[in-house]
Amino acid sequence: MAERDLRTGDLELDRVMAEFRANSREFSDVMAQVGDVTGEAASRDGKISVRVTATGQLTGLRIDPRAMRMGSQELAEAILEASRRATEDAARRLMEVTRPYL
């Protein structure tokens, strides 16, 4: 439906509706940006790299072959630490995207 078809003839109502449409478009744009937010981090020694979504869901994991020499507990801790830091990175990036709208 064309925008001109949405005019009511009431100037104030038309202004509010136009503002609502603009805010809706802006909100849609922000939500698209939010969906693109990821966080990344690597272990301190660089043998583990992790990528997560804005909600912290793991979407990427790289384990350098040298990490296979680590004990299982040490490897698990390195993965969890990198994952935690990646989630913090995603939260920081999410805040940057949404800050102007909060």
C-alpha atoms as a PDB file:
ATOM      1  CA  MET A   1       0.000   0.000   0.000  1.00  0.00           C
ATOM      2  CA  ALA A   2       1.430   3.408  -0.926  1.00  0.00           C
ATOM      3  CA  GLU A   3       2.150   5.850   1.887  1.00  0.00           C
ATOM      4  CA  ARG A   4      -0.278   8.399   0.418  1.00  0.00           C
ATOM      5  CA  ASP A   5      -3.070   5.823   0.870  1.00  0.00           C
ATOM      6  CA  LEU A   6      -2.410   5.839   4.622  1.00  0.00           C
ATOM      7  CA  ARG A   7      -3.199   9.508   5.205  1.00  0.00           C
ATOM      8  CA  THR A   8      -6.238  10.171   7.346  1.00  0.00           C
ATOM      9  CA  GLY A   9      -6.675  13.885   6.808  1.00  0.00           C
ATOM     10  CA  ASP A  10      -5.949  14.523  10.506  1.00  0.00           C
ATOM     11  CA  LEU A  11      -2.560  16.260  10.515  1.00  0.00           C
ATOM     12  CA  GLU A  12      -1.598  15.107  14.014  1.00  0.00           C
ATOM     13  CA  LEU A  13      -2.628  11.500  13.380  1.00  0.00           C
ATOM     14  CA  ASP A  14      -0.787  11.495  10.051  1.00  0.00           C
ATOM     15  CA  ARG A  15       2.327  12.856  11.800  1.00  0.00           C
ATOM     16  CA  VAL A  16       2.143  10.156  14.496  1.00  0.00           C
ATOM     17  CA  MET A  17       1.632   7.441  11.877  1.00  0.00           C
ATOM     18  CA  ALA A  18       4.593   8.702   9.812  1.00  0.00           C
ATOM     19  CA  GLU A  19       6.758   8.745  12.946  1.00  0.00           C
ATOM     20  CA  PHE A  20       5.624   5.219  13.805  1.00  0.00           C
ATOM     21  CA  ARG A  21       6.507   3.970  10.293  1.00  0.00           C
ATOM     22  CA  ALA A  22       9.957   5.602  10.517  1.00  0.00           C
ATOM     23  CA  ASN A  23      10.552   4.075  13.966  1.00  0.00           C
ATOM     24  CA  SER A  24       9.404   0.674  12.709  1.00  0.00           C
ATOM     25  CA  ARG A  25      11.871   0.797   9.816  1.00  0.00           C
ATOM     26  CA  GLU A  26      14.645   1.871  12.195  1.00  0.00           C
ATOM     27  CA  PHE A  27      13.752  -0.944  14.602  1.00  0.00           C
ATOM     28  CA  SER A  28      13.843  -3.471  11.746  1.00  0.00           C
ATOM     29  CA  ASP A  29      17.277  -2.207  10.723  1.00  0.00           C
ATOM     30  CA  VAL A  30      18.566  -2.499  14.294  1.00  0.00           C
ATOM     31  CA  MET A  31      17.170  -6.018  14.654  1.00  0.00           C
ATOM     32  CA  ALA A  32      18.958  -7.023  11.445  1.00  0.00           C
ATOM     33  CA  GLN A  33      22.208  -5.632  12.863  1.00  0.00           C
ATOM     34  CA  VAL A  34      21.619  -7.485  16.134  1.00  0.00           C
ATOM     35  CA  GLY A  35      21.272 -10.737  14.219  1.00  0.00           C
ATOM     36  CA  ASP A  36      24.657 -10.145  12.615  1.00  0.00           C
ATOM     37  CA  VAL A  37      26.506  -9.574  15.904  1.00  0.00           C
ATOM     38  CA  THR A  38      29.157 -12.144  16.748  1.00  0.00           C
ATOM     39  CA  GLY A  39      31.905 -12.331  19.305  1.00  0.00           C
ATOM     40  CA  GLU A  40      35.328 -13.826  18.889  1.00  0.00           C
ATOM     41  CA  ALA A  41      38.172 -14.717  21.205  1.00  0.00           C
ATOM     42  CA  ALA A  42      41.246 -16.880  21.306  1.00  0.00           C
ATOM     43  CA  SER A  43      42.996 -18.654  24.110  1.00  0.00           C
ATOM     44  CA  ARG A  44      45.950 -16.818  25.593  1.00  0.00           C
ATOM     45  CA  ASP A  45      48.370 -19.036  23.691  1.00  0.00           C
ATOM     46  CA  GLY A  46      46.348 -18.710  20.455  1.00  0.00           C
ATOM     47  CA  LYS A  47      45.804 -22.446  20.099  1.00  0.00           C
ATOM     48  CA  ILE A  48      42.008 -22.193  20.510  1.00  0.00           C
ATOM     49  CA  SER A  49      39.735 -19.738  18.664  1.00  0.00           C
ATOM     50  CA  VAL A  50      36.009 -19.405  19.286  1.00  0.00           C
ATOM     51  CA  ARG A  51      33.150 -17.528  17.576  1.00  0.00           C
ATOM     52  CA  VAL A  52      29.714 -17.089  19.153  1.00  0.00           C
ATOM     53  CA  THR A  53      26.418 -15.380  18.304  1.00  0.00           C
ATOM     54  CA  ALA A  54      25.024 -12.454  20.278  1.00  0.00           C
ATOM     55  CA  THR A  55      23.280 -14.979  22.534  1.00  0.00           C
ATOM     56  CA  GLY A  56      26.493 -16.899  23.150  1.00  0.00           C
ATOM     57  CA  GLN A  57      25.745 -19.851  20.884  1.00  0.00           C
ATOM     58  CA  LEU A  58      28.960 -21.419  19.621  1.00  0.00           C
ATOM     59  CA  THR A  59      29.233 -21.069  15.828  1.00  0.00           C
ATOM     60  CA  GLY A  60      32.934 -21.616  15.293  1.00  0.00           C
ATOM     61  CA  LEU A  61      35.739 -23.474  17.010  1.00  0.00           C
ATOM     62  CA  ARG A  62      39.299 -23.806  15.774  1.00  0.00           C
ATOM     63  CA  ILE A  63      41.731 -26.032  17.623  1.00  0.00           C
ATOM     64  CA  ASP A  64      45.338 -25.769  16.544  1.00  0.00           C
ATOM     65  CA  PRO A  65      46.935 -29.227  16.230  1.00  0.00           C
ATOM     66  CA  ARG A  66      49.474 -28.188  18.874  1.00  0.00           C
ATOM     67  CA  ALA A  67      46.598 -27.956  21.377  1.00  0.00           C
ATOM     68  CA  MET A  68      46.173 -31.707  21.137  1.00  0.00           C
ATOM     69  CA  ARG A  69      49.276 -32.041  23.303  1.00  0.00           C
ATOM     70  CA  MET A  70      47.376 -30.427  26.171  1.00  0.00           C
ATOM     71  CA  GLY A  71      45.704 -32.586  28.763  1.00  0.00           C
ATOM     72  CA  SER A  72      41.939 -32.990  28.395  1.00  0.00           C
ATOM     73  CA  GLN A  73      41.186 -30.798  31.422  1.00  0.00           C
ATOM     74  CA  GLU A  74      43.530 -28.046  30.241  1.00  0.00           C
ATOM     75  CA  LEU A  75      42.012 -28.174  26.744  1.00  0.00           C
ATOM     76  CA  ALA A  76      38.479 -28.001  28.150  1.00  0.00           C
ATOM     77  CA  GLU A  77      39.388 -25.021  30.331  1.00  0.00           C
ATOM     78  CA  ALA A  78      40.991 -23.215  27.380  1.00  0.00           C
ATOM     79  CA  ILE A  79      37.875 -23.758  25.252  1.00  0.00           C
ATOM     80  CA  LEU A  80      35.559 -22.602  28.040  1.00  0.00           C
ATOM     81  CA  GLU A  81      37.692 -19.517  28.742  1.00  0.00           C
ATOM     82  CA  ALA A  82      37.804 -18.554  25.054  1.00  0.00           C
ATOM     83  CA  SER A  83      34.050 -19.131  24.812  1.00  0.00           C
ATOM     84  CA  ARG A  84      33.399 -16.922  27.848  1.00  0.00           C
ATOM     85  CA  ARG A  85      35.567 -14.146  26.427  1.00  0.00           C
ATOM     86  CA  ALA A  86      33.891 -14.456  23.007  1.00  0.00           C
ATOM     87  CA  THR A  87      30.490 -14.130  24.689  1.00  0.00           C
ATOM     88  CA  GLU A  88      31.700 -10.991  26.479  1.00  0.00           C
ATOM     89  CA  ASP A  89      32.927  -9.659  23.122  1.00  0.00           C
ATOM     90  CA  ALA A  90      29.516 -10.337  21.554  1.00  0.00           C
ATOM     91  CA  ALA A  91      27.759  -8.587  24.456  1.00  0.00           C
ATOM     92  CA  ARG A  92      30.032  -5.571  24.055  1.00  0.00           C
ATOM     93  CA  ARG A  93      29.354  -5.442  20.306  1.00  0.00           C
ATOM     94  CA  LEU A  94      25.624  -5.849  20.888  1.00  0.00           C
ATOM     95  CA  MET A  95      25.681  -2.899  23.276  1.00  0.00           C
ATOM     96  CA  GLU A  96      27.463  -0.786  20.651  1.00  0.00           C
ATOM     97  CA  VAL A  97      24.742  -1.589  18.107  1.00  0.00           C
ATOM     98  CA  THR A  98      21.815  -0.975  20.452  1.00  0.00           C
ATOM     99  CA  ARG A  99      23.168   1.879  22.629  1.00  0.00           C
ATOM    100  CA  PRO A 100      21.725   4.673  20.435  1.00  0.00           C
ATOM    101  CA  TYR A 101      18.257   3.144  20.822  1.00  0.00           C
ATOM    102  CA  LEU A 102      18.238   2.422  24.558  1.00  0.00           C
END
